[in-house]
């Protein structure tokens, strides 16, 4: 029996917001800069939750130790910053649920490994109003460490054990477990090929966004 949450915390990319279209476009900007053909969207989508470095490796085959990796990552992120809210949207039907939740002034937040430089303008463009926003550069540690989740709960004034944390990556589940929160895994996000999200250390798993919203509607 799942505990009823007093607050909901979300991962950002691939859980709350479908950011893959804009990140895929930036990845292909990097490809074209190097004279390479664009990659198919679905190939890029599976790597989005792994961050900018993973997208550089996918696009150019450069691992993080390569001397050109850092400059390529900067080029990719600069391209992304220019277009980060063109096609990105809150997943349907989570958008309707979240609008209702916000109108009721019920507590919710976002804990992401996305830097604030990109997360904050994206959230503003989508008119989201989280009571807590914790980004990769806000603390000295990031997920899967539990501290960002604890800080989000503290800012909301809710005990960690009364929070759900919803994510689309195994590190999200590890962070939630370490923080003492209910770990909620979703299968509609940016999951790498061959990665079985039902093997993650979650408390509950939802195959699609509609199933997640149905569960949230009970509260």
N, C-alpha and C. Protein backbone atom coordinates (compact mmCIF):
# COMPACT_ATOMS: atom_id res chain seq x y z
N UNK A 1 0.85 -1.20 0.00
CA UNK A 1 0.00 0.00 0.00
C UNK A 1 0.88 1.24 0.00
N UNK A 2 0.71 2.10 -1.02
CA UNK A 2 1.50 3.31 -1.11
C UNK A 2 1.01 4.35 -0.11
N UNK A 3 1.96 5.04 0.50
CA UNK A 3 1.60 6.15 1.38
C UNK A 3 1.07 7.31 0.56
N UNK A 4 0.04 7.97 1.05
CA UNK A 4 -0.50 9.14 0.37
C UNK A 4 0.51 10.28 0.45
N UNK A 5 0.90 10.87 -0.68
CA UNK A 5 1.90 11.95 -0.62
C UNK A 5 1.29 13.28 -0.21
N UNK A 6 2.05 14.03 0.55
CA UNK A 6 1.66 15.40 0.84
C UNK A 6 2.26 16.35 -0.19
N UNK A 7 3.32 15.92 -0.85
CA UNK A 7 3.96 16.72 -1.89
C UNK A 7 4.50 15.80 -2.97
N UNK A 8 4.54 16.32 -4.20
CA UNK A 8 5.07 15.57 -5.34
C UNK A 8 6.31 16.30 -5.85
N UNK A 9 7.41 15.57 -6.00
CA UNK A 9 8.62 16.10 -6.60
C UNK A 9 8.87 15.37 -7.91
N UNK A 10 9.28 16.11 -8.92
CA UNK A 10 9.52 15.54 -10.23
C UNK A 10 10.95 15.77 -10.68
N UNK A 11 11.51 14.79 -11.38
CA UNK A 11 12.63 15.04 -12.26
C UNK A 11 12.07 15.91 -13.39
N UNK A 12 12.96 16.61 -14.12
CA UNK A 12 12.49 17.53 -15.16
C UNK A 12 12.43 16.87 -16.54
N UNK A 13 13.59 16.63 -17.13
CA UNK A 13 13.66 16.11 -18.49
C UNK A 13 13.16 14.66 -18.56
N UNK A 14 12.16 14.42 -19.38
CA UNK A 14 11.69 13.06 -19.59
C UNK A 14 10.71 12.56 -18.55
N UNK A 15 10.45 13.36 -17.53
CA UNK A 15 9.48 12.98 -16.49
C UNK A 15 8.34 13.98 -16.45
N UNK A 16 8.69 15.24 -16.23
CA UNK A 16 7.69 16.30 -16.21
C UNK A 16 7.54 16.96 -17.58
N UNK A 17 8.68 17.28 -18.20
CA UNK A 17 8.67 18.01 -19.47
C UNK A 17 9.34 17.19 -20.56
N UNK A 18 8.71 17.18 -21.72
CA UNK A 18 9.27 16.52 -22.90
C UNK A 18 10.22 17.51 -23.58
N UNK A 19 11.47 17.49 -23.18
CA UNK A 19 12.48 18.41 -23.69
C UNK A 19 13.28 17.83 -24.85
N UNK A 20 13.03 16.57 -25.18
CA UNK A 20 13.85 15.89 -26.19
C UNK A 20 13.84 16.58 -27.55
N UNK A 21 12.72 17.11 -28.04
CA UNK A 21 12.75 17.75 -29.35
C UNK A 21 13.77 18.88 -29.45
N UNK A 22 13.82 19.74 -28.42
CA UNK A 22 14.76 20.86 -28.47
C UNK A 22 16.20 20.40 -28.24
N UNK A 23 16.40 19.41 -27.38
CA UNK A 23 17.75 18.89 -27.18
C UNK A 23 18.24 18.13 -28.41
N UNK A 24 17.34 17.44 -29.09
CA UNK A 24 17.71 16.73 -30.31
C UNK A 24 18.12 17.72 -31.40
N UNK A 25 17.39 18.82 -31.49
CA UNK A 25 17.73 19.85 -32.48
C UNK A 25 19.12 20.41 -32.21
N UNK A 26 19.44 20.67 -30.93
CA UNK A 26 20.76 21.19 -30.59
C UNK A 26 21.86 20.17 -30.88
N UNK A 27 21.56 18.91 -30.63
CA UNK A 27 22.53 17.85 -30.92
C UNK A 27 22.83 17.79 -32.41
N UNK A 28 21.82 17.96 -33.22
CA UNK A 28 22.04 17.92 -34.67
C UNK A 28 22.68 19.20 -35.19
N UNK A 29 22.52 20.32 -34.48
CA UNK A 29 23.29 21.52 -34.81
C UNK A 29 24.78 21.22 -34.68
N UNK A 30 25.13 20.53 -33.60
CA UNK A 30 26.53 20.13 -33.39
C UNK A 30 27.00 19.19 -34.49
N UNK A 31 26.17 18.26 -34.86
CA UNK A 31 26.51 17.33 -35.94
C UNK A 31 26.78 18.10 -37.24
N UNK A 32 25.89 19.00 -37.58
CA UNK A 32 26.03 19.74 -38.84
C UNK A 32 27.27 20.64 -38.83
N UNK A 33 27.61 21.17 -37.66
CA UNK A 33 28.81 21.99 -37.55
C UNK A 33 30.05 21.18 -37.96
N UNK A 34 30.02 19.89 -37.67
CA UNK A 34 31.13 19.02 -38.02
C UNK A 34 30.93 18.32 -39.37
N UNK A 35 29.94 18.78 -40.13
CA UNK A 35 29.72 18.23 -41.46
C UNK A 35 29.08 16.87 -41.47
N UNK A 36 28.37 16.52 -40.41
CA UNK A 36 27.74 15.21 -40.29
C UNK A 36 26.24 15.32 -40.50
N UNK A 37 25.64 14.25 -40.99
CA UNK A 37 24.20 14.22 -41.16
C UNK A 37 23.50 14.17 -39.80
N UNK A 38 22.27 14.65 -39.78
CA UNK A 38 21.48 14.62 -38.55
C UNK A 38 21.19 13.18 -38.13
N UNK A 39 21.14 12.97 -36.81
CA UNK A 39 20.75 11.67 -36.28
C UNK A 39 19.24 11.61 -36.14
N UNK A 40 18.65 10.41 -36.25
CA UNK A 40 17.20 10.29 -36.04
C UNK A 40 16.82 10.69 -34.62
N UNK A 41 15.64 11.26 -34.50
CA UNK A 41 15.17 11.73 -33.20
C UNK A 41 15.19 10.64 -32.14
N UNK A 42 14.69 9.45 -32.47
CA UNK A 42 14.59 8.38 -31.48
C UNK A 42 15.95 7.94 -30.96
N UNK A 43 16.99 8.05 -31.79
CA UNK A 43 18.34 7.70 -31.35
C UNK A 43 18.81 8.68 -30.28
N UNK A 44 18.52 9.96 -30.50
CA UNK A 44 18.93 10.99 -29.54
C UNK A 44 18.09 10.92 -28.28
N UNK A 45 16.79 10.68 -28.43
CA UNK A 45 15.86 10.70 -27.29
C UNK A 45 16.31 9.80 -26.15
N UNK A 46 16.82 8.63 -26.47
CA UNK A 46 17.21 7.69 -25.43
C UNK A 46 18.37 8.13 -24.58
N UNK A 47 19.12 9.19 -25.03
CA UNK A 47 20.28 9.66 -24.29
C UNK A 47 20.05 10.98 -23.56
N UNK A 48 18.88 11.58 -23.74
CA UNK A 48 18.65 12.92 -23.20
C UNK A 48 18.83 12.97 -21.69
N UNK A 49 18.31 11.97 -20.97
CA UNK A 49 18.41 12.00 -19.50
C UNK A 49 19.84 11.85 -19.00
N UNK A 50 20.75 11.44 -19.87
CA UNK A 50 22.15 11.27 -19.47
C UNK A 50 22.96 12.56 -19.59
N UNK A 51 22.34 13.63 -20.09
CA UNK A 51 22.97 14.93 -20.06
C UNK A 51 23.76 15.29 -21.30
N UNK A 52 24.30 16.52 -21.27
CA UNK A 52 25.00 17.07 -22.41
C UNK A 52 26.22 16.29 -22.84
N UNK A 53 26.97 15.78 -21.88
CA UNK A 53 28.17 15.02 -22.23
C UNK A 53 27.82 13.76 -23.00
N UNK A 54 26.75 13.10 -22.59
CA UNK A 54 26.31 11.90 -23.30
C UNK A 54 25.86 12.22 -24.71
N UNK A 55 25.24 13.39 -24.90
CA UNK A 55 24.80 13.79 -26.23
C UNK A 55 25.99 14.10 -27.14
N UNK A 56 27.04 14.69 -26.56
CA UNK A 56 28.27 14.93 -27.34
C UNK A 56 28.89 13.60 -27.76
N UNK A 57 28.95 12.66 -26.85
CA UNK A 57 29.50 11.34 -27.18
C UNK A 57 28.68 10.68 -28.27
N UNK A 58 27.36 10.78 -28.16
CA UNK A 58 26.49 10.21 -29.18
C UNK A 58 26.70 10.89 -30.52
N UNK A 59 26.77 12.22 -30.52
CA UNK A 59 26.84 12.99 -31.76
C UNK A 59 28.18 12.83 -32.47
N UNK A 60 29.26 12.83 -31.70
CA UNK A 60 30.60 12.90 -32.30
C UNK A 60 31.50 11.74 -31.96
N UNK A 61 31.06 10.86 -31.06
CA UNK A 61 31.91 9.74 -30.66
C UNK A 61 33.06 10.14 -29.78
N UNK A 62 32.96 11.29 -29.12
CA UNK A 62 34.03 11.78 -28.24
C UNK A 62 33.69 11.49 -26.79
N UNK A 63 34.51 10.71 -26.09
CA UNK A 63 34.22 10.49 -24.68
C UNK A 63 34.70 11.70 -23.88
N UNK A 64 34.38 11.72 -22.60
CA UNK A 64 34.64 12.91 -21.79
C UNK A 64 36.13 13.21 -21.65
N UNK A 65 36.98 12.23 -21.87
CA UNK A 65 38.43 12.44 -21.75
C UNK A 65 39.02 13.04 -23.03
N UNK A 66 38.27 13.06 -24.10
CA UNK A 66 38.80 13.58 -25.37
C UNK A 66 39.04 15.09 -25.25
N UNK A 67 40.14 15.60 -25.78
CA UNK A 67 40.45 17.04 -25.63
C UNK A 67 39.42 17.97 -26.27
N UNK A 68 38.64 17.48 -27.23
CA UNK A 68 37.64 18.32 -27.88
C UNK A 68 36.25 18.19 -27.27
N UNK A 69 36.13 17.33 -26.27
CA UNK A 69 34.79 17.07 -25.72
C UNK A 69 34.20 18.32 -25.06
N UNK A 70 34.95 18.99 -24.21
CA UNK A 70 34.42 20.13 -23.45
C UNK A 70 33.95 21.24 -24.38
N UNK A 71 34.74 21.56 -25.40
CA UNK A 71 34.34 22.62 -26.33
C UNK A 71 33.10 22.22 -27.10
N UNK A 72 33.00 20.96 -27.46
CA UNK A 72 31.82 20.48 -28.19
C UNK A 72 30.58 20.53 -27.30
N UNK A 73 30.76 20.19 -26.04
CA UNK A 73 29.63 20.27 -25.11
C UNK A 73 29.15 21.71 -24.97
N UNK A 74 30.08 22.65 -24.88
CA UNK A 74 29.71 24.06 -24.80
C UNK A 74 28.95 24.50 -26.05
N UNK A 75 29.40 24.06 -27.21
CA UNK A 75 28.73 24.41 -28.46
C UNK A 75 27.30 23.86 -28.48
N UNK A 76 27.14 22.61 -28.05
CA UNK A 76 25.82 22.00 -28.01
C UNK A 76 24.90 22.76 -27.05
N UNK A 77 25.38 23.06 -25.86
CA UNK A 77 24.54 23.72 -24.87
C UNK A 77 24.23 25.16 -25.25
N UNK A 78 25.17 25.82 -25.92
CA UNK A 78 24.88 27.18 -26.41
C UNK A 78 23.75 27.14 -27.45
N UNK A 79 23.79 26.13 -28.32
CA UNK A 79 22.71 25.97 -29.31
C UNK A 79 21.39 25.68 -28.62
N UNK A 80 21.44 24.84 -27.59
CA UNK A 80 20.22 24.49 -26.85
C UNK A 80 19.64 25.71 -26.14
N UNK A 81 20.49 26.53 -25.57
CA UNK A 81 20.02 27.69 -24.81
C UNK A 81 19.21 28.64 -25.70
N UNK A 82 19.53 28.69 -26.97
CA UNK A 82 18.82 29.59 -27.88
C UNK A 82 17.41 29.11 -28.22
N UNK A 83 17.16 27.83 -28.04
CA UNK A 83 15.88 27.26 -28.50
C UNK A 83 15.25 26.33 -27.48
N UNK A 84 15.53 26.52 -26.20
CA UNK A 84 15.18 25.50 -25.20
C UNK A 84 13.70 25.36 -24.90
N UNK A 85 12.89 26.29 -25.34
CA UNK A 85 11.45 26.19 -25.05
C UNK A 85 10.60 26.28 -26.31
N UNK A 86 11.16 25.96 -27.46
CA UNK A 86 10.39 26.04 -28.70
C UNK A 86 9.39 24.89 -28.79
N UNK A 87 9.86 23.68 -28.60
CA UNK A 87 8.99 22.50 -28.74
C UNK A 87 8.77 21.76 -27.42
N UNK A 88 9.45 22.15 -26.36
CA UNK A 88 9.32 21.44 -25.08
C UNK A 88 7.96 21.73 -24.44
N UNK A 89 7.34 20.68 -23.93
CA UNK A 89 6.02 20.80 -23.31
C UNK A 89 5.91 19.83 -22.14
N UNK A 90 5.07 20.17 -21.17
CA UNK A 90 4.74 19.22 -20.10
C UNK A 90 4.01 18.05 -20.75
N UNK A 91 4.39 16.85 -20.34
CA UNK A 91 3.77 15.65 -20.92
C UNK A 91 2.25 15.66 -20.71
N UNK A 92 1.54 15.20 -21.71
CA UNK A 92 0.08 15.01 -21.63
C UNK A 92 -0.22 13.61 -21.09
N UNK A 93 -1.16 13.48 -20.14
CA UNK A 93 -2.07 14.46 -19.54
C UNK A 93 -1.56 15.06 -18.23
N UNK A 94 -0.26 14.95 -17.98
CA UNK A 94 0.29 15.51 -16.75
C UNK A 94 0.11 17.03 -16.72
N UNK A 95 0.05 17.65 -17.89
CA UNK A 95 -0.11 19.10 -17.94
C UNK A 95 -1.43 19.54 -17.30
N UNK A 96 -2.51 18.82 -17.58
CA UNK A 96 -3.82 19.17 -17.03
C UNK A 96 -3.82 18.93 -15.52
N UNK A 97 -3.28 17.77 -15.11
CA UNK A 97 -3.23 17.46 -13.67
C UNK A 97 -2.43 18.52 -12.92
N UNK A 98 -1.28 18.90 -13.46
CA UNK A 98 -0.41 19.85 -12.77
C UNK A 98 -1.05 21.22 -12.68
N UNK A 99 -1.76 21.62 -13.72
CA UNK A 99 -2.45 22.90 -13.67
C UNK A 99 -3.46 22.92 -12.52
N UNK A 100 -4.21 21.83 -12.37
CA UNK A 100 -5.18 21.74 -11.28
C UNK A 100 -4.48 21.75 -9.92
N UNK A 101 -3.38 21.00 -9.82
CA UNK A 101 -2.63 20.91 -8.57
C UNK A 101 -2.10 22.30 -8.16
N UNK A 102 -1.58 23.03 -9.15
CA UNK A 102 -1.07 24.38 -8.88
C UNK A 102 -2.19 25.31 -8.45
N UNK A 103 -3.35 25.21 -9.10
CA UNK A 103 -4.47 26.09 -8.76
C UNK A 103 -4.97 25.84 -7.35
N UNK A 104 -4.78 24.61 -6.86
CA UNK A 104 -5.16 24.29 -5.49
C UNK A 104 -4.06 24.66 -4.49
N UNK A 105 -2.97 25.20 -4.99
CA UNK A 105 -1.82 25.61 -4.16
C UNK A 105 -1.27 24.44 -3.36
N UNK A 106 -1.31 23.25 -3.96
CA UNK A 106 -0.76 22.08 -3.28
C UNK A 106 0.74 21.99 -3.56
N UNK A 107 1.52 21.50 -2.59
CA UNK A 107 2.98 21.57 -2.71
C UNK A 107 3.56 20.60 -3.74
N UNK A 108 4.46 21.13 -4.55
CA UNK A 108 5.17 20.31 -5.52
C UNK A 108 6.48 21.00 -5.86
N UNK A 109 7.39 20.22 -6.43
CA UNK A 109 8.69 20.79 -6.78
C UNK A 109 9.38 19.99 -7.86
N UNK A 110 10.53 20.49 -8.25
CA UNK A 110 11.36 19.87 -9.29
C UNK A 110 12.77 19.71 -8.74
N UNK A 111 13.31 18.52 -8.90
CA UNK A 111 14.73 18.27 -8.57
C UNK A 111 15.36 17.68 -9.82
N UNK A 112 16.29 18.42 -10.39
CA UNK A 112 16.87 18.05 -11.68
C UNK A 112 18.39 18.16 -11.66
N UNK A 113 19.03 17.36 -12.49
CA UNK A 113 20.47 17.50 -12.70
C UNK A 113 20.78 18.45 -13.86
N UNK A 114 19.76 19.14 -14.33
CA UNK A 114 19.94 20.18 -15.36
C UNK A 114 20.46 21.44 -14.67
N UNK A 115 21.46 22.12 -15.22
CA UNK A 115 21.92 23.37 -14.62
C UNK A 115 20.82 24.43 -14.61
N UNK A 116 20.85 25.29 -13.62
CA UNK A 116 19.83 26.33 -13.47
C UNK A 116 19.78 27.24 -14.69
N UNK A 117 20.90 27.45 -15.33
CA UNK A 117 20.97 28.31 -16.52
C UNK A 117 19.95 27.89 -17.59
N UNK A 118 19.68 26.58 -17.67
CA UNK A 118 18.73 26.07 -18.66
C UNK A 118 17.38 25.72 -18.04
N UNK A 119 17.39 25.26 -16.81
CA UNK A 119 16.14 24.83 -16.17
C UNK A 119 15.21 26.01 -15.88
N UNK A 120 15.76 27.09 -15.35
CA UNK A 120 14.91 28.20 -14.91
C UNK A 120 14.17 28.87 -16.08
N UNK A 121 14.86 29.22 -17.18
CA UNK A 121 14.10 29.83 -18.28
C UNK A 121 13.10 28.88 -18.93
N UNK A 122 13.40 27.59 -18.93
CA UNK A 122 12.46 26.62 -19.46
C UNK A 122 11.19 26.59 -18.62
N UNK A 123 11.36 26.53 -17.32
CA UNK A 123 10.21 26.49 -16.40
C UNK A 123 9.39 27.77 -16.51
N UNK A 124 10.06 28.89 -16.63
CA UNK A 124 9.36 30.17 -16.78
C UNK A 124 8.57 30.21 -18.09
N UNK A 125 9.18 29.71 -19.17
CA UNK A 125 8.50 29.72 -20.47
C UNK A 125 7.25 28.86 -20.46
N UNK A 126 7.25 27.80 -19.65
CA UNK A 126 6.11 26.90 -19.56
C UNK A 126 5.12 27.30 -18.47
N UNK A 127 5.38 28.45 -17.83
CA UNK A 127 4.50 28.98 -16.78
C UNK A 127 4.31 28.01 -15.63
N UNK A 128 5.38 27.29 -15.30
CA UNK A 128 5.33 26.38 -14.15
C UNK A 128 5.73 27.15 -12.89
N UNK A 129 5.12 26.78 -11.78
CA UNK A 129 5.37 27.48 -10.53
C UNK A 129 5.68 26.50 -9.40
N UNK A 130 6.80 25.79 -9.49
CA UNK A 130 7.14 24.85 -8.42
C UNK A 130 7.46 25.58 -7.13
N UNK A 131 7.05 24.98 -6.02
CA UNK A 131 7.37 25.57 -4.73
C UNK A 131 8.83 25.43 -4.38
N UNK A 132 9.50 24.48 -5.04
CA UNK A 132 10.94 24.27 -4.84
C UNK A 132 11.54 23.83 -6.17
N UNK A 133 12.68 24.42 -6.51
CA UNK A 133 13.43 24.03 -7.69
C UNK A 133 14.88 23.84 -7.29
N UNK A 134 15.36 22.60 -7.41
CA UNK A 134 16.75 22.28 -7.11
C UNK A 134 17.42 21.82 -8.40
N UNK A 135 18.49 22.50 -8.77
CA UNK A 135 19.19 22.21 -10.02
C UNK A 135 20.59 21.65 -9.73
N UNK A 136 21.27 21.24 -10.80
CA UNK A 136 22.55 20.55 -10.64
C UNK A 136 23.59 21.39 -9.91
N UNK A 137 23.53 22.70 -10.07
CA UNK A 137 24.57 23.57 -9.52
C UNK A 137 24.13 24.31 -8.25
N UNK A 138 23.03 23.89 -7.64
CA UNK A 138 22.55 24.57 -6.44
C UNK A 138 23.25 24.08 -5.17
N UNK A 139 23.64 22.82 -5.15
CA UNK A 139 24.34 22.24 -4.00
C UNK A 139 25.67 21.67 -4.47
N UNK A 140 26.46 21.19 -3.54
CA UNK A 140 27.76 20.62 -3.90
C UNK A 140 27.62 19.20 -4.43
N UNK A 141 26.45 18.60 -4.28
CA UNK A 141 26.19 17.25 -4.80
C UNK A 141 24.90 17.29 -5.61
N UNK A 142 24.69 16.29 -6.46
CA UNK A 142 23.46 16.17 -7.23
C UNK A 142 23.03 14.71 -7.23
N UNK A 143 21.86 14.44 -7.80
CA UNK A 143 21.38 13.05 -7.85
C UNK A 143 22.42 12.15 -8.49
N UNK A 144 22.61 10.94 -7.94
CA UNK A 144 21.74 10.19 -7.02
C UNK A 144 21.91 10.49 -5.53
N UNK A 145 22.71 11.50 -5.17
CA UNK A 145 22.79 11.89 -3.77
C UNK A 145 21.41 12.38 -3.30
N UNK A 146 21.04 12.14 -2.05
CA UNK A 146 19.70 12.52 -1.58
C UNK A 146 19.56 13.98 -1.20
N UNK A 147 20.67 14.69 -1.03
CA UNK A 147 20.61 16.06 -0.50
C UNK A 147 19.70 17.00 -1.29
N UNK A 148 19.72 16.98 -2.63
CA UNK A 148 18.79 17.89 -3.34
C UNK A 148 17.32 17.58 -3.05
N UNK A 149 16.99 16.31 -2.88
CA UNK A 149 15.61 15.95 -2.55
C UNK A 149 15.25 16.40 -1.15
N UNK A 150 16.19 16.23 -0.22
CA UNK A 150 15.95 16.72 1.14
C UNK A 150 15.73 18.22 1.16
N UNK A 151 16.54 18.94 0.40
CA UNK A 151 16.43 20.40 0.39
C UNK A 151 15.11 20.83 -0.23
N UNK A 152 14.67 20.14 -1.27
CA UNK A 152 13.38 20.47 -1.87
C UNK A 152 12.25 20.26 -0.87
N UNK A 153 12.29 19.15 -0.15
CA UNK A 153 11.27 18.87 0.86
C UNK A 153 11.30 19.93 1.96
N UNK A 154 12.51 20.33 2.36
CA UNK A 154 12.64 21.36 3.40
C UNK A 154 12.01 22.66 2.95
N UNK A 155 12.25 23.05 1.70
CA UNK A 155 11.69 24.30 1.19
C UNK A 155 10.17 24.24 1.09
N UNK A 156 9.64 23.05 0.86
CA UNK A 156 8.18 22.89 0.80
C UNK A 156 7.56 22.76 2.18
N UNK A 157 8.40 22.51 3.19
CA UNK A 157 7.89 22.32 4.54
C UNK A 157 7.23 20.97 4.74
N UNK A 158 7.68 19.98 3.98
CA UNK A 158 7.10 18.63 4.03
C UNK A 158 8.19 17.63 4.40
N UNK A 159 7.87 16.68 5.25
CA UNK A 159 8.84 15.65 5.62
C UNK A 159 9.16 14.79 4.40
N UNK A 160 10.43 14.38 4.22
CA UNK A 160 10.79 13.56 3.06
C UNK A 160 9.92 12.32 2.89
N UNK A 161 9.58 11.67 3.99
CA UNK A 161 8.81 10.43 3.90
C UNK A 161 7.36 10.68 3.43
N UNK A 162 6.95 11.95 3.39
CA UNK A 162 5.61 12.29 2.91
C UNK A 162 5.63 12.76 1.46
N UNK A 163 6.77 12.58 0.79
CA UNK A 163 6.91 13.02 -0.60
C UNK A 163 7.04 11.83 -1.55
N UNK A 164 6.49 12.00 -2.72
CA UNK A 164 6.80 11.13 -3.85
C UNK A 164 7.87 11.81 -4.68
N UNK A 165 8.84 11.02 -5.17
CA UNK A 165 9.76 11.55 -6.17
C UNK A 165 9.60 10.73 -7.43
N UNK A 166 9.28 11.40 -8.54
CA UNK A 166 8.96 10.75 -9.81
C UNK A 166 10.10 10.98 -10.78
N UNK A 167 10.61 9.89 -11.39
CA UNK A 167 11.73 10.05 -12.32
C UNK A 167 11.78 8.98 -13.39
N UNK A 168 12.63 9.26 -14.39
CA UNK A 168 12.76 8.34 -15.53
C UNK A 168 14.17 7.79 -15.67
N UNK A 169 14.92 7.75 -14.56
CA UNK A 169 16.29 7.24 -14.59
C UNK A 169 16.56 6.50 -13.28
N UNK A 170 17.42 5.51 -13.35
CA UNK A 170 17.72 4.73 -12.15
C UNK A 170 18.30 5.62 -11.05
N UNK A 171 19.05 6.66 -11.41
CA UNK A 171 19.60 7.53 -10.37
C UNK A 171 18.50 8.26 -9.61
N UNK A 172 17.36 8.51 -10.28
CA UNK A 172 16.24 9.13 -9.59
C UNK A 172 15.70 8.22 -8.50
N UNK A 173 15.62 6.93 -8.81
CA UNK A 173 15.12 5.97 -7.82
C UNK A 173 16.12 5.81 -6.67
N UNK A 174 17.40 5.81 -7.01
CA UNK A 174 18.43 5.71 -5.97
C UNK A 174 18.38 6.92 -5.05
N UNK A 175 18.19 8.10 -5.62
CA UNK A 175 18.11 9.31 -4.82
C UNK A 175 16.87 9.29 -3.93
N UNK A 176 15.74 8.88 -4.48
CA UNK A 176 14.50 8.83 -3.70
C UNK A 176 14.62 7.86 -2.54
N UNK A 177 15.15 6.69 -2.82
CA UNK A 177 15.32 5.69 -1.75
C UNK A 177 16.24 6.23 -0.66
N UNK A 178 17.36 6.83 -1.07
CA UNK A 178 18.32 7.36 -0.10
C UNK A 178 17.72 8.49 0.73
N UNK A 179 16.78 9.23 0.12
CA UNK A 179 16.15 10.36 0.81
C UNK A 179 14.98 9.93 1.68
N UNK A 180 14.57 8.67 1.59
CA UNK A 180 13.42 8.19 2.37
C UNK A 180 12.09 8.54 1.75
N UNK A 181 12.09 8.89 0.46
CA UNK A 181 10.85 9.22 -0.25
C UNK A 181 10.32 8.00 -0.99
N UNK A 182 9.06 8.06 -1.38
CA UNK A 182 8.50 7.02 -2.24
C UNK A 182 9.06 7.21 -3.64
N UNK A 183 9.71 6.17 -4.16
CA UNK A 183 10.38 6.23 -5.46
C UNK A 183 9.41 5.77 -6.54
N UNK A 184 9.11 6.67 -7.47
CA UNK A 184 8.11 6.42 -8.51
C UNK A 184 8.82 6.44 -9.87
N UNK A 185 8.87 5.29 -10.53
CA UNK A 185 9.54 5.17 -11.83
C UNK A 185 8.52 5.25 -12.96
N UNK A 186 8.87 5.99 -14.01
CA UNK A 186 7.98 6.09 -15.17
C UNK A 186 8.69 5.55 -16.42
N UNK A 187 7.92 4.84 -17.23
CA UNK A 187 8.49 4.18 -18.39
C UNK A 187 8.33 4.95 -19.69
N UNK A 188 7.75 6.16 -19.64
CA UNK A 188 7.54 6.93 -20.85
C UNK A 188 8.69 7.89 -21.14
N UNK A 189 9.67 7.97 -20.25
CA UNK A 189 10.73 8.96 -20.37
C UNK A 189 11.85 8.56 -21.30
N UNK A 190 13.02 9.15 -21.06
CA UNK A 190 14.16 8.99 -21.96
C UNK A 190 15.03 7.83 -21.48
N UNK A 191 14.57 6.64 -21.77
CA UNK A 191 15.21 5.43 -21.26
C UNK A 191 16.05 4.82 -22.38
N UNK A 192 17.31 4.54 -22.06
CA UNK A 192 18.23 3.99 -23.06
C UNK A 192 17.77 2.61 -23.52
N UNK A 193 18.07 2.29 -24.76
CA UNK A 193 17.73 0.98 -25.30
C UNK A 193 18.36 -0.12 -24.46
N UNK A 194 17.57 -1.11 -24.10
CA UNK A 194 18.07 -2.22 -23.30
C UNK A 194 17.97 -2.00 -21.81
N UNK A 195 17.58 -0.80 -21.38
CA UNK A 195 17.44 -0.50 -19.95
C UNK A 195 16.00 -0.79 -19.54
N UNK A 196 15.80 -1.74 -18.63
CA UNK A 196 14.48 -2.13 -18.17
C UNK A 196 14.13 -1.33 -16.91
N UNK A 197 13.24 -0.36 -17.06
CA UNK A 197 12.94 0.51 -15.92
C UNK A 197 12.25 -0.23 -14.78
N UNK A 198 11.67 -1.37 -15.07
CA UNK A 198 11.03 -2.14 -14.00
C UNK A 198 12.04 -2.88 -13.13
N UNK A 199 13.30 -2.83 -13.50
CA UNK A 199 14.35 -3.39 -12.67
C UNK A 199 14.96 -2.35 -11.74
N UNK A 200 14.55 -1.10 -11.88
CA UNK A 200 15.08 -0.05 -11.00
C UNK A 200 14.51 -0.22 -9.59
N UNK A 201 15.23 0.27 -8.58
CA UNK A 201 14.78 0.10 -7.19
C UNK A 201 13.68 1.08 -6.79
N UNK A 202 12.54 0.97 -7.44
CA UNK A 202 11.42 1.86 -7.18
C UNK A 202 10.41 1.20 -6.24
N UNK A 203 9.49 2.01 -5.74
CA UNK A 203 8.37 1.50 -4.95
C UNK A 203 7.16 1.22 -5.83
N UNK A 204 7.06 1.95 -6.94
CA UNK A 204 5.95 1.76 -7.88
C UNK A 204 6.43 2.17 -9.27
N UNK A 205 5.85 1.53 -10.30
CA UNK A 205 6.25 1.77 -11.69
C UNK A 205 5.01 2.08 -12.51
N UNK A 206 5.10 3.07 -13.40
CA UNK A 206 4.00 3.41 -14.29
C UNK A 206 4.50 3.37 -15.72
N UNK A 207 3.80 2.61 -16.56
CA UNK A 207 4.24 2.45 -17.94
C UNK A 207 4.09 3.72 -18.76
N UNK A 208 3.04 4.47 -18.50
CA UNK A 208 2.80 5.66 -19.31
C UNK A 208 2.31 6.81 -18.43
N UNK A 209 2.26 7.98 -19.04
CA UNK A 209 1.91 9.18 -18.29
C UNK A 209 0.47 9.14 -17.80
N UNK A 210 -0.42 8.56 -18.59
CA UNK A 210 -1.82 8.47 -18.18
C UNK A 210 -1.98 7.64 -16.91
N UNK A 211 -1.20 6.56 -16.81
CA UNK A 211 -1.27 5.73 -15.60
C UNK A 211 -0.76 6.48 -14.38
N UNK A 212 0.29 7.27 -14.56
CA UNK A 212 0.80 8.10 -13.45
C UNK A 212 -0.27 9.09 -13.00
N UNK A 213 -0.87 9.77 -13.95
CA UNK A 213 -1.88 10.78 -13.61
C UNK A 213 -3.09 10.13 -12.93
N UNK A 214 -3.48 8.95 -13.37
CA UNK A 214 -4.60 8.26 -12.72
C UNK A 214 -4.30 8.02 -11.24
N UNK A 215 -3.05 7.63 -10.95
CA UNK A 215 -2.66 7.42 -9.55
C UNK A 215 -2.63 8.74 -8.79
N UNK A 216 -2.11 9.78 -9.41
CA UNK A 216 -2.04 11.09 -8.75
C UNK A 216 -3.43 11.67 -8.49
N UNK A 217 -4.36 11.37 -9.37
CA UNK A 217 -5.73 11.88 -9.22
C UNK A 217 -6.41 11.35 -7.97
N UNK A 218 -5.88 10.28 -7.39
CA UNK A 218 -6.49 9.71 -6.19
C UNK A 218 -6.21 10.54 -4.95
N UNK A 219 -5.28 11.52 -5.06
CA UNK A 219 -4.86 12.25 -3.87
C UNK A 219 -5.43 13.67 -3.85
